[in-house]
């Protein structure tokens, strides 16, 4: 799951609310920081918050570990609180949490 050479997408809803630099950074976090360190369920969730005016991405691994990643990207108040990343076995899609329920 979550192999970097598989097809990856972001929904239009997410791309409307989050700049490509943040989306790309979350893919990099999955590939460079989480792969091989934590067990990947089918859906990953990332919280986004403002810290010193910048974006901090938070990943919680089944209440075992909380990992925080500070990005050099200015936080905007229109950013979603949480982002979901789904791997359905064919493609990987980053989306808003309410899109996951659809």
N, C-alpha and C. Protein backbone atom coordinates (compact mmCIF):
# COMPACT_ATOMS: atom_id res chain seq x y z
N UNK A 1 0.83 -1.19 0.00
CA UNK A 1 0.00 0.00 0.00
C UNK A 1 0.88 1.25 0.00
N UNK A 2 0.33 2.28 -0.59
CA UNK A 2 0.98 3.59 -0.67
C UNK A 2 2.38 3.52 -1.27
N UNK A 3 2.45 2.87 -2.42
CA UNK A 3 3.70 2.80 -3.17
C UNK A 3 3.87 4.07 -4.00
N UNK A 4 5.05 4.67 -4.00
CA UNK A 4 5.24 5.93 -4.72
C UNK A 4 5.12 5.83 -6.23
N UNK A 5 5.23 4.63 -6.79
CA UNK A 5 5.13 4.50 -8.24
C UNK A 5 3.71 4.23 -8.73
N UNK A 6 2.74 4.17 -7.82
CA UNK A 6 1.34 4.00 -8.21
C UNK A 6 0.74 5.37 -8.55
N UNK A 7 -0.40 5.36 -9.24
CA UNK A 7 -1.06 6.60 -9.61
C UNK A 7 -1.57 7.32 -8.38
N UNK A 8 -1.34 8.63 -8.36
CA UNK A 8 -1.76 9.46 -7.22
C UNK A 8 -2.55 10.66 -7.72
N UNK A 9 -3.59 10.98 -6.95
CA UNK A 9 -4.46 12.07 -7.32
C UNK A 9 -4.85 12.88 -6.09
N UNK A 10 -5.30 14.08 -6.32
CA UNK A 10 -5.96 14.90 -5.30
C UNK A 10 -7.31 15.30 -5.88
N UNK A 11 -8.35 15.25 -5.08
CA UNK A 11 -9.66 15.62 -5.58
C UNK A 11 -9.71 17.12 -5.87
N UNK A 12 -10.64 17.51 -6.70
CA UNK A 12 -10.82 18.93 -7.03
C UNK A 12 -11.19 19.70 -5.77
N UNK A 13 -12.02 19.10 -4.93
CA UNK A 13 -12.41 19.76 -3.68
C UNK A 13 -11.22 20.08 -2.80
N UNK A 14 -10.29 19.15 -2.70
CA UNK A 14 -9.09 19.39 -1.90
C UNK A 14 -8.19 20.42 -2.57
N UNK A 15 -8.00 20.27 -3.88
CA UNK A 15 -7.12 21.20 -4.60
C UNK A 15 -7.65 22.63 -4.56
N UNK A 16 -8.96 22.80 -4.40
CA UNK A 16 -9.54 24.14 -4.28
C UNK A 16 -9.22 24.78 -2.92
N UNK A 17 -8.97 23.96 -1.91
CA UNK A 17 -8.75 24.47 -0.56
C UNK A 17 -7.31 24.41 -0.08
N UNK A 18 -6.48 23.67 -0.79
CA UNK A 18 -5.11 23.45 -0.31
C UNK A 18 -4.14 23.61 -1.47
N UNK A 19 -3.08 24.41 -1.28
CA UNK A 19 -2.13 24.59 -2.39
C UNK A 19 -1.37 23.30 -2.71
N UNK A 20 -0.94 23.20 -3.96
CA UNK A 20 -0.21 22.03 -4.42
C UNK A 20 1.03 21.74 -3.59
N UNK A 21 1.67 22.78 -3.05
CA UNK A 21 2.87 22.56 -2.25
C UNK A 21 2.57 21.76 -0.99
N UNK A 22 1.41 21.97 -0.38
CA UNK A 22 1.04 21.20 0.82
C UNK A 22 0.68 19.78 0.42
N UNK A 23 -0.07 19.63 -0.67
CA UNK A 23 -0.44 18.30 -1.16
C UNK A 23 0.83 17.50 -1.47
N UNK A 24 1.75 18.10 -2.20
CA UNK A 24 3.01 17.41 -2.53
C UNK A 24 3.80 17.07 -1.27
N UNK A 25 3.78 17.94 -0.27
CA UNK A 25 4.51 17.69 0.97
C UNK A 25 3.93 16.49 1.72
N UNK A 26 2.61 16.34 1.70
CA UNK A 26 2.00 15.18 2.36
C UNK A 26 2.40 13.89 1.66
N UNK A 27 2.43 13.89 0.31
CA UNK A 27 2.92 12.71 -0.41
C UNK A 27 4.37 12.40 -0.01
N UNK A 28 5.20 13.44 0.11
CA UNK A 28 6.60 13.25 0.51
C UNK A 28 6.70 12.70 1.93
N UNK A 29 5.85 13.17 2.83
CA UNK A 29 5.84 12.65 4.20
C UNK A 29 5.52 11.15 4.19
N UNK A 30 4.53 10.76 3.39
CA UNK A 30 4.18 9.35 3.29
C UNK A 30 5.38 8.54 2.81
N UNK A 31 6.02 9.00 1.75
CA UNK A 31 7.12 8.25 1.12
C UNK A 31 8.41 8.27 1.93
N UNK A 32 8.77 9.41 2.47
CA UNK A 32 10.09 9.58 3.08
C UNK A 32 10.11 9.40 4.59
N UNK A 33 8.99 9.66 5.25
CA UNK A 33 9.00 9.64 6.71
C UNK A 33 8.16 8.52 7.33
N UNK A 34 7.10 8.10 6.65
CA UNK A 34 6.22 7.11 7.25
C UNK A 34 6.41 5.70 6.71
N UNK A 35 6.72 5.58 5.43
CA UNK A 35 6.88 4.26 4.79
C UNK A 35 7.97 3.46 5.52
N UNK A 36 7.61 2.27 5.96
CA UNK A 36 8.56 1.42 6.66
C UNK A 36 8.66 1.70 8.15
N UNK A 37 8.01 2.77 8.61
CA UNK A 37 8.06 3.12 10.02
C UNK A 37 6.75 2.77 10.72
N UNK A 38 5.64 3.02 10.04
CA UNK A 38 4.32 2.74 10.62
C UNK A 38 3.54 1.80 9.70
N UNK A 39 2.59 1.09 10.27
CA UNK A 39 1.69 0.25 9.49
C UNK A 39 0.69 1.15 8.78
N UNK A 40 0.48 0.92 7.49
CA UNK A 40 -0.45 1.72 6.72
C UNK A 40 -1.80 1.02 6.60
N UNK A 41 -2.83 1.61 7.18
CA UNK A 41 -4.18 1.12 6.88
C UNK A 41 -4.59 1.63 5.50
N UNK A 42 -5.77 1.30 5.05
CA UNK A 42 -6.23 1.72 3.73
C UNK A 42 -6.41 3.24 3.65
N UNK A 43 -6.74 3.86 4.77
CA UNK A 43 -6.94 5.31 4.81
C UNK A 43 -6.01 5.93 5.85
N UNK A 44 -5.25 6.91 5.41
CA UNK A 44 -4.41 7.69 6.31
C UNK A 44 -5.09 9.03 6.55
N UNK A 45 -4.94 9.56 7.76
CA UNK A 45 -5.50 10.87 8.06
C UNK A 45 -4.40 11.79 8.57
N UNK A 46 -4.43 13.01 8.10
CA UNK A 46 -3.47 14.02 8.50
C UNK A 46 -4.22 15.26 8.96
N UNK A 47 -3.86 15.77 10.12
CA UNK A 47 -4.42 17.02 10.60
C UNK A 47 -3.50 18.16 10.17
N UNK A 48 -4.09 19.30 9.86
CA UNK A 48 -3.32 20.48 9.49
C UNK A 48 -3.61 21.57 10.50
N UNK A 49 -2.56 22.18 11.01
CA UNK A 49 -2.76 23.29 11.94
C UNK A 49 -1.71 24.35 11.72
N UNK A 50 -2.00 25.51 12.29
CA UNK A 50 -1.07 26.64 12.17
C UNK A 50 -0.14 26.65 13.37
N UNK A 51 1.15 26.79 13.09
CA UNK A 51 2.13 26.93 14.15
C UNK A 51 3.10 28.02 13.69
N UNK A 52 3.10 29.11 14.41
CA UNK A 52 3.95 30.26 14.06
C UNK A 52 3.70 30.72 12.62
N UNK A 53 2.43 30.66 12.20
CA UNK A 53 2.06 31.13 10.87
C UNK A 53 2.35 30.15 9.75
N UNK A 54 2.95 29.02 10.07
CA UNK A 54 3.31 28.01 9.07
C UNK A 54 2.40 26.78 9.23
N UNK A 55 2.41 25.91 8.23
CA UNK A 55 1.62 24.68 8.27
C UNK A 55 2.38 23.60 9.03
N UNK A 56 1.68 22.96 9.96
CA UNK A 56 2.19 21.76 10.61
C UNK A 56 1.25 20.62 10.26
N UNK A 57 1.81 19.53 9.76
CA UNK A 57 1.05 18.33 9.40
C UNK A 57 1.24 17.33 10.53
N UNK A 58 0.13 16.81 11.04
CA UNK A 58 0.19 15.86 12.15
C UNK A 58 -0.37 14.52 11.70
N UNK A 59 0.38 13.46 11.97
CA UNK A 59 -0.05 12.10 11.66
C UNK A 59 -0.03 11.31 12.95
N UNK A 60 -1.14 10.60 13.22
CA UNK A 60 -1.21 9.75 14.40
C UNK A 60 -1.31 8.30 13.95
N UNK A 61 -0.39 7.47 14.41
CA UNK A 61 -0.34 6.06 14.03
C UNK A 61 -1.03 5.21 15.08
N UNK A 62 -2.33 5.06 14.92
CA UNK A 62 -3.12 4.19 15.81
C UNK A 62 -2.83 4.43 17.29
N UNK A 63 -2.78 5.66 17.68
CA UNK A 63 -2.57 6.06 19.07
C UNK A 63 -1.24 5.58 19.64
N UNK A 64 -0.35 5.11 18.77
CA UNK A 64 0.96 4.65 19.22
C UNK A 64 1.98 5.77 19.16
N UNK A 65 1.95 6.52 18.09
CA UNK A 65 2.91 7.59 17.91
C UNK A 65 2.24 8.75 17.19
N UNK A 66 2.59 9.93 17.61
CA UNK A 66 2.12 11.13 16.93
C UNK A 66 3.36 11.79 16.32
N UNK A 67 3.29 12.00 15.02
CA UNK A 67 4.41 12.62 14.33
C UNK A 67 3.97 13.95 13.75
N UNK A 68 4.80 14.95 13.94
CA UNK A 68 4.50 16.28 13.45
C UNK A 68 5.57 16.71 12.46
N UNK A 69 5.12 17.35 11.39
CA UNK A 69 6.01 17.80 10.33
C UNK A 69 5.73 19.27 10.05
N UNK A 70 6.70 20.11 10.33
CA UNK A 70 6.56 21.54 10.07
C UNK A 70 6.97 21.83 8.63
N UNK A 71 6.09 22.49 7.90
CA UNK A 71 6.36 22.82 6.51
C UNK A 71 6.71 24.30 6.39
N UNK A 72 7.56 24.67 5.45
CA UNK A 72 7.90 26.07 5.24
C UNK A 72 6.87 26.76 4.34
N UNK A 73 5.59 26.54 4.66
CA UNK A 73 4.49 27.06 3.87
C UNK A 73 3.56 27.84 4.80
N UNK A 74 3.17 29.04 4.39
CA UNK A 74 2.29 29.87 5.21
C UNK A 74 0.92 29.21 5.35
N UNK A 75 0.41 29.19 6.57
CA UNK A 75 -0.91 28.64 6.84
C UNK A 75 -1.97 29.66 6.46
N UNK A 76 -3.02 29.19 5.79
CA UNK A 76 -4.16 30.04 5.43
C UNK A 76 -5.38 29.53 6.18
N UNK A 77 -6.22 30.46 6.64
CA UNK A 77 -7.38 30.05 7.45
C UNK A 77 -8.42 29.23 6.69
N UNK A 78 -8.37 29.19 5.37
CA UNK A 78 -9.30 28.38 4.60
C UNK A 78 -8.86 26.93 4.43
N UNK A 79 -7.70 26.57 4.97
CA UNK A 79 -7.22 25.20 4.84
C UNK A 79 -8.14 24.25 5.62
N UNK A 80 -8.33 23.03 5.11
CA UNK A 80 -9.13 22.05 5.87
C UNK A 80 -8.39 21.63 7.14
N UNK A 81 -9.16 21.19 8.15
CA UNK A 81 -8.56 20.73 9.40
C UNK A 81 -7.91 19.36 9.24
N UNK A 82 -8.53 18.51 8.41
CA UNK A 82 -8.06 17.14 8.24
C UNK A 82 -8.11 16.75 6.78
N UNK A 83 -7.12 15.97 6.36
CA UNK A 83 -7.03 15.46 5.00
C UNK A 83 -6.96 13.94 5.09
N UNK A 84 -7.68 13.26 4.20
CA UNK A 84 -7.63 11.80 4.12
C UNK A 84 -6.89 11.39 2.86
N UNK A 85 -6.16 10.28 2.96
CA UNK A 85 -5.49 9.70 1.79
C UNK A 85 -5.90 8.24 1.73
N UNK A 86 -6.55 7.88 0.62
CA UNK A 86 -7.10 6.54 0.42
C UNK A 86 -6.27 5.79 -0.61
N UNK A 87 -5.91 4.55 -0.28
CA UNK A 87 -5.27 3.66 -1.24
C UNK A 87 -6.25 2.51 -1.46
N UNK A 88 -6.87 2.46 -2.65
CA UNK A 88 -7.86 1.43 -2.92
C UNK A 88 -7.26 0.20 -3.60
N UNK A 89 -5.93 0.17 -3.68
CA UNK A 89 -5.25 -0.95 -4.32
C UNK A 89 -4.89 -0.68 -5.77
N UNK A 90 -5.53 0.32 -6.37
CA UNK A 90 -5.22 0.70 -7.75
C UNK A 90 -4.67 2.12 -7.83
N UNK A 91 -5.29 3.01 -7.10
CA UNK A 91 -4.86 4.41 -7.09
C UNK A 91 -4.85 4.93 -5.66
N UNK A 92 -4.14 6.02 -5.48
CA UNK A 92 -4.09 6.70 -4.19
C UNK A 92 -4.69 8.08 -4.39
N UNK A 93 -5.63 8.44 -3.52
CA UNK A 93 -6.34 9.70 -3.68
C UNK A 93 -6.34 10.46 -2.37
N UNK A 94 -5.90 11.72 -2.44
CA UNK A 94 -5.94 12.62 -1.29
C UNK A 94 -7.23 13.44 -1.41
N UNK A 95 -7.95 13.57 -0.31
CA UNK A 95 -9.25 14.21 -0.35
C UNK A 95 -9.61 14.86 0.97
N UNK A 96 -10.69 15.64 0.94
CA UNK A 96 -11.26 16.19 2.16
C UNK A 96 -11.96 15.06 2.91
N UNK A 97 -12.08 15.20 4.21
CA UNK A 97 -12.70 14.13 5.00
C UNK A 97 -14.14 13.88 4.58
N UNK A 98 -14.91 14.92 4.26
CA UNK A 98 -16.29 14.70 3.87
C UNK A 98 -16.41 14.03 2.50
N UNK A 99 -15.38 14.12 1.67
CA UNK A 99 -15.35 13.40 0.39
C UNK A 99 -15.12 11.91 0.61
N UNK A 100 -14.46 11.55 1.67
CA UNK A 100 -14.19 10.15 1.98
C UNK A 100 -15.50 9.41 2.25
N UNK A 101 -16.45 10.07 2.86
CA UNK A 101 -17.72 9.46 3.21
C UNK A 101 -18.63 9.26 2.00
N UNK A 102 -18.35 9.97 0.90
CA UNK A 102 -19.21 9.87 -0.30
C UNK A 102 -19.04 8.57 -1.03
